[in-house]
Each structure stands twice: as structure tokens, then as C-alpha cells.
Amino acid sequence: MLPRSARLHESADFRRVTRSGVRAGRPTLVVHAASGTAPGSRVGFVVSKAVGGAVVRNRVKRRLRHLVAAQLVGSPTGLDVVVRALPAAGTSPVRVETDLASAWRQARNRLSPGPTPVSP
């Protein structure tokens, strides 16, 4: 479970991250990331009715919270992330874990790219 301090709550924060941050999309979800305003990293989730009924949406949110808690351990501090589940997240939950790890890594790399390789 994510502690309260590690969650996004304000709609303005969700809007800022989704509009001004970087985006990495996969078939089951989209990860938006931006530099945060709080000292620690924070995460928010968007799971619409297109994903499924209430039972399916809650199952997807619980799974995402569990998977994101593991991703936060290795992430830099001061990062705000919004994870938006797509309808495929409700129908193919097995793929969500690999998609989240891949999209998280790509968004983090786009936000703070490493040194660029020098071409000969």
C-alpha cells in the first residue's frame, strides 16, 4: 500500500503531470511523469469506466498500487507520476506488470536523460 504522502490528490497536480510531463504508452496503460513539487515521489491513478465495471476497476487499481510501490523504490525522489489504465488492463491483467515496468523506465529516462552518445 502506498502511504498518503506518496499519492497525488489534487486535480491540479494530475493536470500538471499529464499536460506538461513526458508520456510513455503501452497497450494496457499510459505513464505520465513530471518533476515533482514535493520532496518525495508521488503517484496518482486514473482508471475510467472504459476499463470495466466497479469490480474490474478496483482490481486494476489494487494491482497498479502494488506494482507501483515496487517501482518507487528504485526511482529518483521528487517525481510525480500519473498511471492511466487503458481498457486492455481489465482484460489482460498478466501484461500489466511488464507494461508498467517498461513504460515507467521509458518515462523516467525521457524526463532525465543520461549522457548522449558521441557519434564518430
C-alpha atoms as a PDB file:
ATOM      1  CA  MET A   1       0.000   0.000   0.000  1.00  0.00           C
ATOM      2  CA  LEU A   2       1.208   3.467  -0.819  1.00  0.00           C
ATOM      3  CA  PRO A   3       1.418   5.909   2.083  1.00  0.00           C
ATOM      4  CA  ARG A   4      -0.681   9.060   1.852  1.00  0.00           C
ATOM      5  CA  SER A   5       2.418  11.193   1.250  1.00  0.00           C
ATOM      6  CA  ALA A   6       3.226   9.128  -1.865  1.00  0.00           C
ATOM      7  CA  ARG A   7      -0.121   9.759  -3.602  1.00  0.00           C
ATOM      8  CA  LEU A   8      -1.337  12.594  -5.808  1.00  0.00           C
ATOM      9  CA  HIS A   9      -4.604  14.081  -4.558  1.00  0.00           C
ATOM     10  CA  GLU A  10      -5.196  17.440  -6.214  1.00  0.00           C
ATOM     11  CA  SER A  11      -6.693  17.638  -9.692  1.00  0.00           C
ATOM     12  CA  ALA A  12      -4.246  20.463 -10.457  1.00  0.00           C
ATOM     13  CA  ASP A  13      -1.361  18.048  -9.853  1.00  0.00           C
ATOM     14  CA  PHE A  14      -2.904  15.441 -12.168  1.00  0.00           C
ATOM     15  CA  ARG A  15      -3.417  18.130 -14.816  1.00  0.00           C
ATOM     16  CA  ARG A  16       0.154  19.437 -14.483  1.00  0.00           C
ATOM     17  CA  VAL A  17       1.693  15.979 -14.814  1.00  0.00           C
ATOM     18  CA  THR A  18      -0.437  14.882 -17.770  1.00  0.00           C
ATOM     19  CA  ARG A  19      -0.109  18.146 -19.700  1.00  0.00           C
ATOM     20  CA  SER A  20       3.457  19.259 -19.069  1.00  0.00           C
ATOM     21  CA  GLY A  21       5.262  15.999 -18.317  1.00  0.00           C
ATOM     22  CA  VAL A  22       6.555  13.210 -20.502  1.00  0.00           C
ATOM     23  CA  ARG A  23       4.433  10.265 -21.621  1.00  0.00           C
ATOM     24  CA  ALA A  24       5.149   6.598 -22.262  1.00  0.00           C
ATOM     25  CA  GLY A  25       2.319   4.470 -23.631  1.00  0.00           C
ATOM     26  CA  ARG A  26       1.814   0.727 -23.731  1.00  0.00           C
ATOM     27  CA  PRO A  27      -1.194  -1.399 -24.786  1.00  0.00           C
ATOM     28  CA  THR A  28      -2.552  -1.650 -21.226  1.00  0.00           C
ATOM     29  CA  LEU A  29      -1.576   1.703 -19.705  1.00  0.00           C
ATOM     30  CA  VAL A  30      -0.006   5.119 -20.141  1.00  0.00           C
ATOM     31  CA  VAL A  31       2.535   6.567 -17.699  1.00  0.00           C
ATOM     32  CA  HIS A  32       2.847  10.346 -17.408  1.00  0.00           C
ATOM     33  CA  ALA A  33       5.798  11.721 -15.402  1.00  0.00           C
ATOM     34  CA  ALA A  34       6.962  15.209 -14.413  1.00  0.00           C
ATOM     35  CA  SER A  35       9.325  16.743 -11.933  1.00  0.00           C
ATOM     36  CA  GLY A  36       7.503  16.997  -8.645  1.00  0.00           C
ATOM     37  CA  THR A  37       6.928  19.895  -6.332  1.00  0.00           C
ATOM     38  CA  ALA A  38       7.028  17.772  -3.169  1.00  0.00           C
ATOM     39  CA  PRO A  39      10.241  16.395  -1.645  1.00  0.00           C
ATOM     40  CA  GLY A  40       9.232  12.766  -2.244  1.00  0.00           C
ATOM     41  CA  SER A  41       7.841  10.952  -5.266  1.00  0.00           C
ATOM     42  CA  ARG A  42       4.068  10.828  -5.653  1.00  0.00           C
ATOM     43  CA  VAL A  43       1.785   8.691  -7.824  1.00  0.00           C
ATOM     44  CA  GLY A  44      -1.814   9.016  -8.980  1.00  0.00           C
ATOM     45  CA  PHE A  45      -4.055   6.596 -10.849  1.00  0.00           C
ATOM     46  CA  VAL A  46      -6.733   7.124 -13.488  1.00  0.00           C
ATOM     47  CA  VAL A  47      -8.986   4.137 -14.175  1.00  0.00           C
ATOM     48  CA  SER A  48     -12.084   5.096 -16.148  1.00  0.00           C
ATOM     49  CA  LYS A  49     -15.314   3.198 -16.683  1.00  0.00           C
ATOM     50  CA  ALA A  50     -13.995   2.137 -20.086  1.00  0.00           C
ATOM     51  CA  VAL A  51     -11.765  -0.345 -18.228  1.00  0.00           C
ATOM     52  CA  GLY A  52     -14.780  -2.202 -16.869  1.00  0.00           C
ATOM     53  CA  GLY A  53     -17.284  -2.315 -14.051  1.00  0.00           C
ATOM     54  CA  ALA A  54     -16.543  -1.301 -10.485  1.00  0.00           C
ATOM     55  CA  VAL A  55     -15.119  -4.693  -9.536  1.00  0.00           C
ATOM     56  CA  VAL A  56     -12.735  -4.727 -12.501  1.00  0.00           C
ATOM     57  CA  ARG A  57     -11.678  -1.094 -11.976  1.00  0.00           C
ATOM     58  CA  ASN A  58     -10.920  -1.672  -8.297  1.00  0.00           C
ATOM     59  CA  ARG A  59      -8.973  -4.836  -9.114  1.00  0.00           C
ATOM     60  CA  VAL A  60      -6.892  -2.928 -11.674  1.00  0.00           C
ATOM     61  CA  LYS A  61      -6.242  -0.098  -9.181  1.00  0.00           C
ATOM     62  CA  ARG A  62      -5.150  -2.516  -6.441  1.00  0.00           C
ATOM     63  CA  ARG A  63      -2.807  -4.289  -8.831  1.00  0.00           C
ATOM     64  CA  LEU A  64      -1.344  -0.993 -10.059  1.00  0.00           C
ATOM     65  CA  ARG A  65      -0.800   0.282  -6.496  1.00  0.00           C
ATOM     66  CA  HIS A  66       1.073  -2.912  -5.646  1.00  0.00           C
ATOM     67  CA  LEU A  67       3.239  -2.742  -8.777  1.00  0.00           C
ATOM     68  CA  VAL A  68       3.963   0.983  -8.427  1.00  0.00           C
ATOM     69  CA  ALA A  69       5.117   0.560  -4.824  1.00  0.00           C
ATOM     70  CA  ALA A  70       7.910  -1.673  -6.131  1.00  0.00           C
ATOM     71  CA  GLN A  71       8.803   0.831  -8.881  1.00  0.00           C
ATOM     72  CA  LEU A  72       9.053   3.732  -6.411  1.00  0.00           C
ATOM     73  CA  VAL A  73      11.885   2.005  -4.533  1.00  0.00           C
ATOM     74  CA  GLY A  74      14.337   2.429  -7.403  1.00  0.00           C
ATOM     75  CA  SER A  75      13.059   5.789  -8.687  1.00  0.00           C
ATOM     76  CA  PRO A  76      14.574   9.191  -8.014  1.00  0.00           C
ATOM     77  CA  THR A  77      12.845  11.393  -5.457  1.00  0.00           C
ATOM     78  CA  GLY A  78      10.850  14.418  -6.481  1.00  0.00           C
ATOM     79  CA  LEU A  79       8.993  12.634  -9.276  1.00  0.00           C
ATOM     80  CA  ASP A  80       5.246  12.950  -9.884  1.00  0.00           C
ATOM     81  CA  VAL A  81       3.676  10.141 -11.910  1.00  0.00           C
ATOM     82  CA  VAL A  82       0.160   9.515 -13.205  1.00  0.00           C
ATOM     83  CA  VAL A  83      -0.666   5.982 -14.355  1.00  0.00           C
ATOM     84  CA  ARG A  84      -3.692   5.840 -16.666  1.00  0.00           C
ATOM     85  CA  ALA A  85      -5.144   2.384 -17.231  1.00  0.00           C
ATOM     86  CA  LEU A  86      -6.499   1.567 -20.687  1.00  0.00           C
ATOM     87  CA  PRO A  87      -9.358  -0.887 -21.355  1.00  0.00           C
ATOM     88  CA  ALA A  88      -6.868  -3.694 -22.079  1.00  0.00           C
ATOM     89  CA  ALA A  89      -5.712  -3.524 -18.432  1.00  0.00           C
ATOM     90  CA  GLY A  90      -9.017  -5.040 -17.367  1.00  0.00           C
ATOM     91  CA  THR A  91      -8.977  -7.819 -19.947  1.00  0.00           C
ATOM     92  CA  SER A  92      -5.303  -8.846 -19.865  1.00  0.00           C
ATOM     93  CA  PRO A  93      -4.010  -8.274 -16.321  1.00  0.00           C
ATOM     94  CA  VAL A  94      -0.980 -10.513 -16.875  1.00  0.00           C
ATOM     95  CA  ARG A  95       0.513  -7.976 -19.270  1.00  0.00           C
ATOM     96  CA  VAL A  96       0.094  -5.014 -16.910  1.00  0.00           C
ATOM     97  CA  GLU A  97       3.243  -5.763 -14.900  1.00  0.00           C
ATOM     98  CA  THR A  98       5.612  -5.815 -17.879  1.00  0.00           C
ATOM     99  CA  ASP A  99       3.911  -2.825 -19.496  1.00  0.00           C
ATOM    100  CA  LEU A 100       4.188  -0.785 -16.287  1.00  0.00           C
ATOM    101  CA  ALA A 101       7.871  -1.607 -15.790  1.00  0.00           C
ATOM    102  CA  SER A 102       8.675  -0.762 -19.420  1.00  0.00           C
ATOM    103  CA  ALA A 103       6.645   2.467 -19.535  1.00  0.00           C
ATOM    104  CA  TRP A 104       7.939   3.598 -16.116  1.00  0.00           C
ATOM    105  CA  ARG A 105      11.542   3.127 -17.233  1.00  0.00           C
ATOM    106  CA  GLN A 106      10.936   4.953 -20.528  1.00  0.00           C
ATOM    107  CA  ALA A 107       9.172   7.901 -18.858  1.00  0.00           C
ATOM    108  CA  ARG A 108      11.917   8.201 -16.242  1.00  0.00           C
ATOM    109  CA  ASN A 109      14.615   8.140 -18.950  1.00  0.00           C
ATOM    110  CA  ARG A 110      12.800  10.758 -21.033  1.00  0.00           C
ATOM    111  CA  LEU A 111      12.458  13.003 -18.001  1.00  0.00           C
ATOM    112  CA  SER A 112      16.125  12.849 -17.037  1.00  0.00           C
ATOM    113  CA  PRO A 113      18.106  11.534 -19.971  1.00  0.00           C
ATOM    114  CA  GLY A 114      21.621  10.344 -19.397  1.00  0.00           C
ATOM    115  CA  PRO A 115      24.636  11.486 -21.379  1.00  0.00           C
ATOM    116  CA  THR A 116      24.142  11.405 -25.121  1.00  0.00           C
ATOM    117  CA  PRO A 117      26.449   9.116 -27.038  1.00  0.00           C
ATOM    118  CA  VAL A 118      29.074  10.826 -29.162  1.00  0.00           C
ATOM    119  CA  SER A 119      28.921   9.807 -32.799  1.00  0.00           C
ATOM    120  CA  PRO A 120      32.267   9.244 -34.569  1.00  0.00           C
END
